[in-house]
Amino acid sequence: MRERLLLGPLLILLLVGGLALDQWLDARPLPSALRVIGSDTVPPGVIVFVVMAILGALAARELAAILAANGVLASRRVTTFAAMCGLLASGLIPGHATGTEAFAGVGTAGVLALITALGFYSRHRSVEGVVAGTGGALLAFVYIGLMLGFLLAIRREHTAWILLWVLMVTKACDIGALFAGKAFGRHKLIPWLSPGKTWEGLVGGVVLAALVAWGGFAVIHAGTGAPVPGVFASLGAGVVLGLVGQAGDLLESLLKRDAGIKDSGRSLPGFGGVLDLIDSPLLAAPVAYWMLHSFQRIATTHGVD
């Protein structure tokens, strides 16, 4: 707990600073040597993409270790490559691409990850473990690459502060569940999967996530004037993201329990590994994207205060 309390605020400062830099760079003129076809300004999400790539690579290496501990043929290089294919498919597809083009781009990245894994794991002319190893690579493609890509997609369509809102709401549920569980926890949530989680902790986490969601939207509206959902919609969004984030935490617990390990790594004292840190936002990101998309459409057609 002491290590969490020391490292947690530092991670929050780095998160806010990185997103502030990303927002500051948004739409600023690019030097002529760096200009790409169709864009003379810095596209949104440059810093976010770099951070996602670093986190994705580290998380993929941890996932490879989890797979290997479970007896699955897993190369760190192939697992990382597959995860990066998913993230790059999300980051490099232009915003003006049609639905068919976007589908083809993501599908092509998936096929590339599949063929690479099949070729690598069968390179010694042996079929043993090839299917399981390739399945592990595709797990990295979706679980790490595409899901991190949803966070990048949120940034490409919204301000950096909306992305910060998503992350803070999701992690608020983790924090609330931790402290509420320690203070009031009596009834185990899923003892066979995560013995430390309780129903009381879940309720406390969801309540805090709802309050952070409402307060966060209020701050964004006050600071930028952007339309935001009403009180009940904001609270509901916090409840949904909190619950989905907890499901993401349990999903990673499922992978670790199956492999017989407690933490995905030791790179973050008090938190475990990178995958332990981002497990909640990974699953919450797709839900948050479509939720924000719905809010945006409502605001455009009917107006939301």
C-alpha atoms as a PDB file:
ATOM      1  CA  MET A   1       0.000   0.000   0.000  1.00  0.00           C
ATOM      2  CA  ARG A   2       2.849   2.392   0.827  1.00  0.00           C
ATOM      3  CA  GLU A   3       4.411   1.877  -2.588  1.00  0.00           C
ATOM      4  CA  ARG A   4       1.044   2.477  -4.269  1.00  0.00           C
ATOM      5  CA  LEU A   5       0.542   5.717  -2.390  1.00  0.00           C
ATOM      6  CA  LEU A   6       4.007   6.922  -3.422  1.00  0.00           C
ATOM      7  CA  LEU A   7       3.955   5.819  -7.055  1.00  0.00           C
ATOM      8  CA  GLY A   8       0.259   6.490  -7.749  1.00  0.00           C
ATOM      9  CA  PRO A   9       0.398  10.321  -7.595  1.00  0.00           C
ATOM     10  CA  LEU A  10       3.536  10.319  -9.759  1.00  0.00           C
ATOM     11  CA  LEU A  11       1.784   8.240 -12.418  1.00  0.00           C
ATOM     12  CA  ILE A  12      -1.200  10.609 -12.310  1.00  0.00           C
ATOM     13  CA  LEU A  13       1.089  13.625 -12.802  1.00  0.00           C
ATOM     14  CA  LEU A  14       2.781  11.950 -15.750  1.00  0.00           C
ATOM     15  CA  LEU A  15      -0.614  11.099 -17.235  1.00  0.00           C
ATOM     16  CA  VAL A  16      -1.956  14.638 -16.912  1.00  0.00           C
ATOM     17  CA  GLY A  17       1.288  16.155 -18.202  1.00  0.00           C
ATOM     18  CA  GLY A  18       1.404  13.851 -21.220  1.00  0.00           C
ATOM     19  CA  LEU A  19      -2.216  14.553 -22.139  1.00  0.00           C
ATOM     20  CA  ALA A  20      -1.698  18.297 -21.676  1.00  0.00           C
ATOM     21  CA  LEU A  21       1.251  18.139 -24.085  1.00  0.00           C
ATOM     22  CA  ASP A  22      -0.818  16.106 -26.532  1.00  0.00           C
ATOM     23  CA  GLN A  23      -3.613  18.697 -26.409  1.00  0.00           C
ATOM     24  CA  TRP A  24      -1.124  21.553 -26.820  1.00  0.00           C
ATOM     25  CA  LEU A  25       0.401  19.955 -29.917  1.00  0.00           C
ATOM     26  CA  ASP A  26      -2.985  19.280 -31.498  1.00  0.00           C
ATOM     27  CA  ALA A  27      -3.362  21.054 -34.886  1.00  0.00           C
ATOM     28  CA  ARG A  28      -0.083  22.973 -34.583  1.00  0.00           C
ATOM     29  CA  PRO A  29       1.752  23.428 -37.905  1.00  0.00           C
ATOM     30  CA  LEU A  30       4.157  20.661 -38.813  1.00  0.00           C
ATOM     31  CA  PRO A  31       7.665  21.455 -40.046  1.00  0.00           C
ATOM     32  CA  SER A  32       7.757  21.067 -43.821  1.00  0.00           C
ATOM     33  CA  ALA A  33      10.082  18.040 -43.561  1.00  0.00           C
ATOM     34  CA  LEU A  34       7.555  16.183 -41.418  1.00  0.00           C
ATOM     35  CA  ARG A  35       4.408  16.970 -43.346  1.00  0.00           C
ATOM     36  CA  VAL A  36       2.524  13.961 -44.602  1.00  0.00           C
ATOM     37  CA  ILE A  37       0.073  13.735 -47.464  1.00  0.00           C
ATOM     38  CA  GLY A  38      -3.170  15.490 -46.570  1.00  0.00           C
ATOM     39  CA  SER A  39      -1.984  16.974 -43.275  1.00  0.00           C
ATOM     40  CA  ASP A  40       0.069  20.078 -42.582  1.00  0.00           C
ATOM     41  CA  THR A  41      -0.642  20.077 -38.852  1.00  0.00           C
ATOM     42  CA  VAL A  42       0.089  17.779 -35.944  1.00  0.00           C
ATOM     43  CA  PRO A  43      -2.684  15.159 -35.819  1.00  0.00           C
ATOM     44  CA  PRO A  44      -4.457  14.563 -32.511  1.00  0.00           C
ATOM     45  CA  GLY A  45      -3.072  11.809 -30.335  1.00  0.00           C
ATOM     46  CA  VAL A  46       0.625  11.863 -31.251  1.00  0.00           C
ATOM     47  CA  ILE A  47       1.800  11.682 -27.649  1.00  0.00           C
ATOM     48  CA  VAL A  48      -0.982   9.253 -26.789  1.00  0.00           C
ATOM     49  CA  PHE A  49       0.126   6.971 -29.615  1.00  0.00           C
ATOM     50  CA  VAL A  50       3.738   6.963 -28.417  1.00  0.00           C
ATOM     51  CA  VAL A  51       2.686   6.196 -24.844  1.00  0.00           C
ATOM     52  CA  MET A  52       0.274   3.477 -25.999  1.00  0.00           C
ATOM     53  CA  ALA A  53       3.050   1.900 -28.081  1.00  0.00           C
ATOM     54  CA  ILE A  54       5.416   1.791 -25.091  1.00  0.00           C
ATOM     55  CA  LEU A  55       2.770   0.440 -22.727  1.00  0.00           C
ATOM     56  CA  GLY A  56       1.581  -2.025 -25.359  1.00  0.00           C
ATOM     57  CA  ALA A  57       5.072  -3.402 -25.943  1.00  0.00           C
ATOM     58  CA  LEU A  58       5.697  -3.827 -22.213  1.00  0.00           C
ATOM     59  CA  ALA A  59       2.283  -5.387 -21.632  1.00  0.00           C
ATOM     60  CA  ALA A  60       2.801  -7.780 -24.562  1.00  0.00           C
ATOM     61  CA  ARG A  61       6.030  -9.043 -23.057  1.00  0.00           C
ATOM     62  CA  GLU A  62       4.206  -9.673 -19.781  1.00  0.00           C
ATOM     63  CA  LEU A  63       1.412 -11.459 -21.634  1.00  0.00           C
ATOM     64  CA  ALA A  64       4.001 -13.662 -23.349  1.00  0.00           C
ATOM     65  CA  ALA A  65       5.358 -14.594 -19.914  1.00  0.00           C
ATOM     66  CA  ILE A  66       1.845 -15.416 -18.694  1.00  0.00           C
ATOM     67  CA  LEU A  67       1.227 -17.620 -21.733  1.00  0.00           C
ATOM     68  CA  ALA A  68       4.587 -19.346 -21.301  1.00  0.00           C
ATOM     69  CA  ALA A  69       3.851 -19.998 -17.617  1.00  0.00           C
ATOM     70  CA  ASN A  70       0.667 -21.702 -18.750  1.00  0.00           C
ATOM     71  CA  GLY A  71       2.580 -23.978 -21.106  1.00  0.00           C
ATOM     72  CA  VAL A  72       1.711 -22.073 -24.284  1.00  0.00           C
ATOM     73  CA  LEU A  73       4.380 -21.552 -26.921  1.00  0.00           C
ATOM     74  CA  ALA A  74       4.916 -17.785 -26.686  1.00  0.00           C
ATOM     75  CA  SER A  75       7.712 -15.698 -28.138  1.00  0.00           C
ATOM     76  CA  ARG A  76       8.053 -12.199 -26.712  1.00  0.00           C
ATOM     77  CA  ARG A  77       8.944 -10.906 -30.158  1.00  0.00           C
ATOM     78  CA  VAL A  78       5.924 -12.437 -31.869  1.00  0.00           C
ATOM     79  CA  THR A  79       3.541 -11.453 -29.059  1.00  0.00           C
ATOM     80  CA  THR A  80       4.829  -7.874 -29.137  1.00  0.00           C
ATOM     81  CA  PHE A  81       4.651  -7.774 -32.943  1.00  0.00           C
ATOM     82  CA  ALA A  82       1.036  -8.969 -32.871  1.00  0.00           C
ATOM     83  CA  ALA A  83       0.079  -6.351 -30.268  1.00  0.00           C
ATOM     84  CA  MET A  84       1.755  -3.603 -32.303  1.00  0.00           C
ATOM     85  CA  CYS A  85      -0.113  -4.746 -35.420  1.00  0.00           C
ATOM     86  CA  GLY A  86      -3.381  -4.140 -33.595  1.00  0.00           C
ATOM     87  CA  LEU A  87      -2.303  -0.747 -32.275  1.00  0.00           C
ATOM     88  CA  LEU A  88      -0.867   0.414 -35.612  1.00  0.00           C
ATOM     89  CA  ALA A  89      -4.049  -0.646 -37.394  1.00  0.00           C
ATOM     90  CA  SER A  90      -5.933   1.673 -35.054  1.00  0.00           C
ATOM     91  CA  GLY A  91      -3.455   4.532 -35.266  1.00  0.00           C
ATOM     92  CA  LEU A  92      -2.547   4.640 -38.944  1.00  0.00           C
ATOM     93  CA  ILE A  93      -5.966   4.248 -40.566  1.00  0.00           C
ATOM     94  CA  PRO A  94      -6.889   7.796 -41.680  1.00  0.00           C
ATOM     95  CA  GLY A  95      -9.965   9.407 -40.239  1.00  0.00           C
ATOM     96  CA  HIS A  96     -11.462   9.921 -43.698  1.00  0.00           C
ATOM     97  CA  ALA A  97     -11.331   6.189 -44.511  1.00  0.00           C
ATOM     98  CA  THR A  98     -14.658   4.528 -45.283  1.00  0.00           C
ATOM     99  CA  GLY A  99     -16.063   1.788 -43.098  1.00  0.00           C
ATOM    100  CA  THR A 100     -14.988  -0.828 -45.618  1.00  0.00           C
ATOM    101  CA  GLU A 101     -11.452   0.571 -45.801  1.00  0.00           C
ATOM    102  CA  ALA A 102     -11.159   0.666 -42.006  1.00  0.00           C
ATOM    103  CA  PHE A 103     -12.381  -2.927 -41.752  1.00  0.00           C
ATOM    104  CA  ALA A 104      -9.922  -4.007 -44.446  1.00  0.00           C
ATOM    105  CA  GLY A 105      -7.074  -2.241 -42.666  1.00  0.00           C
ATOM    106  CA  VAL A 106      -7.733  -3.889 -39.317  1.00  0.00           C
ATOM    107  CA  GLY A 107      -8.368  -7.236 -41.009  1.00  0.00           C
ATOM    108  CA  THR A 108      -5.089  -7.028 -42.916  1.00  0.00           C
ATOM    109  CA  ALA A 109      -3.210  -6.320 -39.684  1.00  0.00           C
ATOM    110  CA  GLY A 110      -4.857  -9.365 -38.102  1.00  0.00           C
ATOM    111  CA  VAL A 111      -3.913 -11.571 -41.042  1.00  0.00           C
ATOM    112  CA  LEU A 112      -0.321 -10.310 -40.839  1.00  0.00           C
ATOM    113  CA  ALA A 113      -0.165 -11.203 -37.134  1.00  0.00           C
ATOM    114  CA  LEU A 114      -1.674 -14.625 -37.864  1.00  0.00           C
ATOM    115  CA  ILE A 115       0.713 -15.498 -40.716  1.00  0.00           C
ATOM    116  CA  THR A 116       3.742 -14.227 -38.789  1.00  0.00           C
ATOM    117  CA  ALA A 117       2.887 -16.365 -35.765  1.00  0.00           C
ATOM    118  CA  LEU A 118       2.188 -19.471 -37.859  1.00  0.00           C
ATOM    119  CA  GLY A 119       5.456 -19.063 -39.740  1.00  0.00           C
ATOM    120  CA  PHE A 120       7.549 -18.366 -36.644  1.00  0.00           C
ATOM    121  CA  TYR A 121       6.212 -21.210 -34.513  1.00  0.00           C
ATOM    122  CA  SER A 122       6.510 -23.774 -37.317  1.00  0.00           C
ATOM    123  CA  ARG A 123       9.965 -22.673 -38.468  1.00  0.00           C
ATOM    124  CA  HIS A 124      11.601 -25.816 -37.035  1.00  0.00           C
ATOM    125  CA  ARG A 125       9.293 -28.034 -39.122  1.00  0.00           C
ATOM    126  CA  SER A 126       7.348 -29.055 -36.041  1.00  0.00           C
ATOM    127  CA  VAL A 127       3.612 -28.648 -35.487  1.00  0.00           C
ATOM    128  CA  GLU A 128       3.763 -29.046 -31.707  1.00  0.00           C
ATOM    129  CA  GLY A 129       2.313 -25.992 -29.966  1.00  0.00           C
ATOM    130  CA  VAL A 130       1.785 -24.015 -33.184  1.00  0.00           C
ATOM    131  CA  VAL A 131      -1.983 -23.644 -32.817  1.00  0.00           C
ATOM    132  CA  ALA A 132      -1.797 -22.580 -29.164  1.00  0.00           C
ATOM    133  CA  GLY A 133       1.085 -20.212 -29.859  1.00  0.00           C
ATOM    134  CA  THR A 134      -0.744 -18.594 -32.750  1.00  0.00           C
ATOM    135  CA  GLY A 135      -3.833 -18.253 -30.565  1.00  0.00           C
ATOM    136  CA  GLY A 136      -1.698 -16.452 -27.993  1.00  0.00           C
ATOM    137  CA  ALA A 137      -0.458 -14.038 -30.653  1.00  0.00           C
ATOM    138  CA  LEU A 138      -4.010 -13.265 -31.745  1.00  0.00           C
ATOM    139  CA  LEU A 139      -4.948 -12.749 -28.087  1.00  0.00           C
ATOM    140  CA  ALA A 140      -2.235 -10.081 -27.912  1.00  0.00           C
ATOM    141  CA  PHE A 141      -3.490  -8.562 -31.185  1.00  0.00           C
ATOM    142  CA  VAL A 142      -6.996  -8.060 -29.762  1.00  0.00           C
ATOM    143  CA  TYR A 143      -6.515  -7.815 -26.000  1.00  0.00           C
ATOM    144  CA  ILE A 144      -3.604  -5.382 -26.072  1.00  0.00           C
ATOM    145  CA  GLY A 145      -3.377  -3.943 -29.580  1.00  0.00           C
ATOM    146  CA  LEU A 146      -6.983  -3.300 -30.548  1.00  0.00           C
ATOM    147  CA  MET A 147      -8.154  -2.428 -27.046  1.00  0.00           C
ATOM    148  CA  LEU A 148      -5.381   0.137 -26.575  1.00  0.00           C
ATOM    149  CA  GLY A 149      -6.331   1.330 -30.036  1.00  0.00           C
ATOM    150  CA  PHE A 150      -9.776   2.272 -28.726  1.00  0.00           C
ATOM    151  CA  LEU A 151      -8.115   4.733 -26.320  1.00  0.00           C
ATOM    152  CA  LEU A 152      -6.311   6.235 -29.299  1.00  0.00           C
ATOM    153  CA  ALA A 153      -9.594   6.350 -31.231  1.00  0.00           C
ATOM    154  CA  ILE A 154     -11.185   8.268 -28.350  1.00  0.00           C
ATOM    155  CA  ARG A 155      -8.370  10.822 -28.518  1.00  0.00           C
ATOM    156  CA  ARG A 156      -8.673  11.152 -32.288  1.00  0.00           C
ATOM    157  CA  GLU A 157     -12.344  12.098 -31.963  1.00  0.00           C
ATOM    158  CA  HIS A 158     -12.303  14.031 -28.680  1.00  0.00           C
ATOM    159  CA  THR A 159     -10.044  16.282 -26.660  1.00  0.00           C
ATOM    160  CA  ALA A 160      -7.303  14.898 -24.448  1.00  0.00           C
ATOM    161  CA  TRP A 161      -9.432  15.871 -21.444  1.00  0.00           C
ATOM    162  CA  ILE A 162     -12.190  13.482 -22.498  1.00  0.00           C
ATOM    163  CA  LEU A 163      -9.617  10.695 -22.659  1.00  0.00           C
ATOM    164  CA  LEU A 164      -8.390  11.723 -19.211  1.00  0.00           C
ATOM    165  CA  TRP A 165     -12.016  11.534 -18.038  1.00  0.00           C
ATOM    166  CA  VAL A 166     -12.311   7.942 -19.284  1.00  0.00           C
ATOM    167  CA  LEU A 167      -9.102   6.877 -17.570  1.00  0.00           C
ATOM    168  CA  MET A 168      -9.844   8.652 -14.302  1.00  0.00           C
ATOM    169  CA  VAL A 169     -13.376   7.253 -14.063  1.00  0.00           C
ATOM    170  CA  THR A 170     -12.162   3.717 -14.725  1.00  0.00           C
ATOM    171  CA  LYS A 171      -9.292   3.889 -12.267  1.00  0.00           C
ATOM    172  CA  ALA A 172     -11.497   5.633  -9.680  1.00  0.00           C
ATOM    173  CA  CYS A 173     -13.478   2.419  -9.447  1.00  0.00           C
ATOM    174  CA  ASP A 174     -10.247   0.494  -8.786  1.00  0.00           C
ATOM    175  CA  ILE A 175      -9.272   2.948  -6.045  1.00  0.00           C
ATOM    176  CA  GLY A 176     -12.718   3.064  -4.482  1.00  0.00           C
ATOM    177  CA  ALA A 177     -12.998  -0.721  -4.524  1.00  0.00           C
ATOM    178  CA  LEU A 178      -9.599  -1.079  -2.853  1.00  0.00           C
ATOM    179  CA  PHE A 179     -10.319   1.255   0.060  1.00  0.00           C
ATOM    180  CA  ALA A 180     -13.986   0.305   0.490  1.00  0.00           C
ATOM    181  CA  GLY A 181     -13.062  -3.354   0.426  1.00  0.00           C
ATOM    182  CA  LYS A 182     -10.413  -2.895   3.101  1.00  0.00           C
ATOM    183  CA  ALA A 183     -12.751  -0.838   5.282  1.00  0.00           C
ATOM    184  CA  PHE A 184     -16.064  -2.656   4.868  1.00  0.00           C
ATOM    185  CA  GLY A 185     -15.388  -5.836   2.887  1.00  0.00           C
ATOM    186  CA  ARG A 186     -17.165  -8.884   4.297  1.00  0.00           C
ATOM    187  CA  HIS A 187     -18.710 -10.785   1.406  1.00  0.00           C
ATOM    188  CA  LYS A 188     -16.417 -12.223  -1.265  1.00  0.00           C
ATOM    189  CA  LEU A 189     -17.224 -11.312  -4.855  1.00  0.00           C
ATOM    190  CA  ILE A 190     -15.644 -14.193  -6.779  1.00  0.00           C
ATOM    191  CA  PRO A 191     -13.429 -16.092  -4.306  1.00  0.00           C
ATOM    192  CA  TRP A 192     -12.307 -18.736  -6.817  1.00  0.00           C
ATOM    193  CA  LEU A 193     -10.955 -16.050  -9.155  1.00  0.00           C
ATOM    194  CA  SER A 194     -10.030 -13.025  -7.051  1.00  0.00           C
ATOM    195  CA  PRO A 195     -10.166 -13.768  -3.304  1.00  0.00           C
ATOM    196  CA  GLY A 196      -9.428 -10.175  -2.315  1.00  0.00           C
ATOM    197  CA  LYS A 197     -12.450  -8.617  -4.035  1.00  0.00           C
ATOM    198  CA  THR A 198     -15.684  -8.096  -2.119  1.00  0.00           C
ATOM    199  CA  TRP A 199     -19.195  -6.931  -2.944  1.00  0.00           C
ATOM    200  CA  GLU A 200     -18.742  -4.010  -0.550  1.00  0.00           C
ATOM    201  CA  GLY A 201     -15.588  -2.991  -2.385  1.00  0.00           C
ATOM    202  CA  LEU A 202     -17.366  -3.191  -5.738  1.00  0.00           C
ATOM    203  CA  VAL A 203     -20.178  -0.949  -4.500  1.00  0.00           C
ATOM    204  CA  GLY A 204     -17.700   1.572  -3.111  1.00  0.00           C
ATOM    205  CA  GLY A 205     -15.731   1.583  -6.351  1.00  0.00           C
ATOM    206  CA  VAL A 206     -18.814   2.073  -8.524  1.00  0.00           C
ATOM    207  CA  VAL A 207     -20.058   4.925  -6.328  1.00  0.00           C
ATOM    208  CA  LEU A 208     -16.694   6.714  -6.579  1.00  0.00           C
ATOM    209  CA  ALA A 209     -16.556   6.137 -10.357  1.00  0.00           C
ATOM    210  CA  ALA A 210     -20.034   7.648 -10.751  1.00  0.00           C
ATOM    211  CA  LEU A 211     -19.078  10.721  -8.709  1.00  0.00           C
ATOM    212  CA  VAL A 212     -15.829  11.191 -10.643  1.00  0.00           C
ATOM    213  CA  ALA A 213     -17.723  10.851 -13.931  1.00  0.00           C
ATOM    214  CA  TRP A 214     -20.220  13.522 -12.957  1.00  0.00           C
ATOM    215  CA  GLY A 215     -17.595  15.836 -11.480  1.00  0.00           C
ATOM    216  CA  GLY A 216     -15.243  15.313 -14.412  1.00  0.00           C
ATOM    217  CA  PHE A 217     -17.874  16.246 -16.973  1.00  0.00           C
ATOM    218  CA  ALA A 218     -18.758  19.327 -14.899  1.00  0.00           C
ATOM    219  CA  VAL A 219     -15.110  20.439 -14.876  1.00  0.00           C
ATOM    220  CA  ILE A 220     -14.752  19.843 -18.633  1.00  0.00           C
ATOM    221  CA  HIS A 221     -17.887  21.880 -19.318  1.00  0.00           C
ATOM    222  CA  ALA A 222     -16.760  24.705 -17.051  1.00  0.00           C
ATOM    223  CA  GLY A 223     -13.264  24.773 -18.550  1.00  0.00           C
ATOM    224  CA  THR A 224     -14.022  24.349 -22.249  1.00  0.00           C
ATOM    225  CA  GLY A 225     -17.706  25.085 -22.660  1.00  0.00           C
ATOM    226  CA  ALA A 226     -18.151  21.771 -24.441  1.00  0.00           C
ATOM    227  CA  PRO A 227     -21.594  20.158 -24.162  1.00  0.00           C
ATOM    228  CA  VAL A 228     -21.687  17.294 -21.686  1.00  0.00           C
ATOM    229  CA  PRO A 229     -24.369  14.821 -20.613  1.00  0.00           C
ATOM    230  CA  GLY A 230     -26.738  15.667 -17.797  1.00  0.00           C
ATOM    231  CA  VAL A 231     -26.331  14.585 -14.195  1.00  0.00           C
ATOM    232  CA  PHE A 232     -28.102  11.237 -14.464  1.00  0.00           C
ATOM    233  CA  ALA A 233     -26.389  10.333 -17.751  1.00  0.00           C
ATOM    234  CA  SER A 234     -23.003  11.253 -16.260  1.00  0.00           C
ATOM    235  CA  LEU A 235     -23.612   9.166 -13.152  1.00  0.00           C
ATOM    236  CA  GLY A 236     -24.826   6.269 -15.301  1.00  0.00           C
ATOM    237  CA  ALA A 237     -21.736   6.490 -17.481  1.00  0.00           C
ATOM    238  CA  GLY A 238     -19.571   6.263 -14.383  1.00  0.00           C
ATOM    239  CA  VAL A 239     -21.433   3.196 -13.152  1.00  0.00           C
ATOM    240  CA  VAL A 240     -21.071   1.444 -16.516  1.00  0.00           C
ATOM    241  CA  LEU A 241     -17.370   2.235 -16.937  1.00  0.00           C
ATOM    242  CA  GLY A 242     -16.679   1.280 -13.325  1.00  0.00           C
ATOM    243  CA  LEU A 243     -18.358  -2.101 -13.723  1.00  0.00           C
ATOM    244  CA  VAL A 244     -16.706  -2.819 -17.067  1.00  0.00           C
ATOM    245  CA  GLY A 245     -13.341  -1.776 -15.673  1.00  0.00           C
ATOM    246  CA  GLN A 246     -13.759  -4.239 -12.808  1.00  0.00           C
ATOM    247  CA  ALA A 247     -14.626  -6.914 -15.356  1.00  0.00           C
ATOM    248  CA  GLY A 248     -11.366  -6.049 -17.112  1.00  0.00           C
ATOM    249  CA  ASP A 249      -9.491  -6.537 -13.855  1.00  0.00           C
ATOM    250  CA  LEU A 250     -11.156  -9.927 -13.406  1.00  0.00           C
ATOM    251  CA  LEU A 251     -10.334 -10.859 -16.998  1.00  0.00           C
ATOM    252  CA  GLU A 252      -6.637 -10.344 -16.336  1.00  0.00           C
ATOM    253  CA  SER A 253      -6.999 -12.269 -13.064  1.00  0.00           C
ATOM    254  CA  LEU A 254      -8.394 -15.145 -15.112  1.00  0.00           C
ATOM    255  CA  LEU A 255      -5.277 -15.171 -17.291  1.00  0.00           C
ATOM    256  CA  LYS A 256      -2.954 -14.991 -14.291  1.00  0.00           C
ATOM    257  CA  ARG A 257      -4.796 -17.614 -12.244  1.00  0.00           C
ATOM    258  CA  ASP A 258      -4.710 -19.980 -15.173  1.00  0.00           C
ATOM    259  CA  ALA A 259      -0.945 -19.504 -15.314  1.00  0.00           C
ATOM    260  CA  GLY A 260      -0.538 -19.785 -11.533  1.00  0.00           C
ATOM    261  CA  ILE A 261       0.956 -16.312 -10.991  1.00  0.00           C
ATOM    262  CA  LYS A 262      -0.137 -13.356  -8.854  1.00  0.00           C
ATOM    263  CA  ASP A 263       1.203 -10.346 -10.790  1.00  0.00           C
ATOM    264  CA  SER A 264       1.907  -9.882 -14.493  1.00  0.00           C
ATOM    265  CA  GLY A 265       5.312  -8.388 -13.661  1.00  0.00           C
ATOM    266  CA  ARG A 266       7.366  -6.398 -11.167  1.00  0.00           C
ATOM    267  CA  SER A 267       8.095  -3.230 -13.120  1.00  0.00           C
ATOM    268  CA  LEU A 268       5.716  -1.052 -11.038  1.00  0.00           C
ATOM    269  CA  PRO A 269       6.247  -1.459  -7.274  1.00  0.00           C
ATOM    270  CA  GLY A 270       2.927  -1.783  -5.493  1.00  0.00           C
ATOM    271  CA  PHE A 271       0.999  -2.330  -8.706  1.00  0.00           C
ATOM    272  CA  GLY A 272       2.746  -5.347 -10.205  1.00  0.00           C
ATOM    273  CA  GLY A 273       3.298  -5.112 -13.927  1.00  0.00           C
ATOM    274  CA  VAL A 274       2.110  -2.830 -16.708  1.00  0.00           C
ATOM    275  CA  LEU A 275      -0.713  -5.219 -17.554  1.00  0.00           C
ATOM    276  CA  ASP A 276      -1.889  -5.039 -13.929  1.00  0.00           C
ATOM    277  CA  LEU A 277      -2.073  -1.248 -14.283  1.00  0.00           C
ATOM    278  CA  ILE A 278      -3.968  -1.068 -17.577  1.00  0.00           C
ATOM    279  CA  ASP A 279      -6.253  -4.102 -17.268  1.00  0.00           C
ATOM    280  CA  SER A 280      -9.298  -2.004 -16.301  1.00  0.00           C
ATOM    281  CA  PRO A 281      -8.976   0.651 -19.052  1.00  0.00           C
ATOM    282  CA  LEU A 282      -8.331  -2.060 -21.661  1.00  0.00           C
ATOM    283  CA  LEU A 283     -11.828  -3.498 -21.397  1.00  0.00           C
ATOM    284  CA  ALA A 284     -13.468  -0.162 -20.622  1.00  0.00           C
ATOM    285  CA  ALA A 285     -12.015   1.543 -23.715  1.00  0.00           C
ATOM    286  CA  PRO A 286     -14.359  -0.011 -26.338  1.00  0.00           C
ATOM    287  CA  VAL A 287     -17.398   0.676 -24.141  1.00  0.00           C
ATOM    288  CA  ALA A 288     -16.240   4.253 -23.516  1.00  0.00           C
ATOM    289  CA  TYR A 289     -15.718   4.861 -27.231  1.00  0.00           C
ATOM    290  CA  TRP A 290     -19.261   3.867 -28.187  1.00  0.00           C
ATOM    291  CA  MET A 291     -20.715   5.625 -25.149  1.00  0.00           C
ATOM    292  CA  LEU A 292     -19.010   8.890 -26.076  1.00  0.00           C
ATOM    293  CA  HIS A 293     -20.008   8.371 -29.696  1.00  0.00           C
ATOM    294  CA  SER A 294     -23.644   8.122 -28.585  1.00  0.00           C
ATOM    295  CA  PHE A 295     -23.352  11.197 -26.370  1.00  0.00           C
ATOM    296  CA  GLN A 296     -21.823  13.129 -29.269  1.00  0.00           C
ATOM    297  CA  ARG A 297     -24.629  12.165 -31.644  1.00  0.00           C
ATOM    298  CA  ILE A 298     -27.252  13.176 -29.081  1.00  0.00           C
ATOM    299  CA  ALA A 299     -25.495  16.484 -28.512  1.00  0.00           C
ATOM    300  CA  THR A 300     -25.350  17.123 -32.267  1.00  0.00           C
ATOM    301  CA  THR A 301     -28.967  16.302 -32.999  1.00  0.00           C
ATOM    302  CA  HIS A 302     -30.757  17.450 -29.847  1.00  0.00           C
ATOM    303  CA  GLY A 303     -28.246  19.425 -27.793  1.00  0.00           C
ATOM    304  CA  VAL A 304     -26.981  18.394 -24.370  1.00  0.00           C
ATOM    305  CA  ASP A 305     -26.247  20.789 -21.533  1.00  0.00           C
END
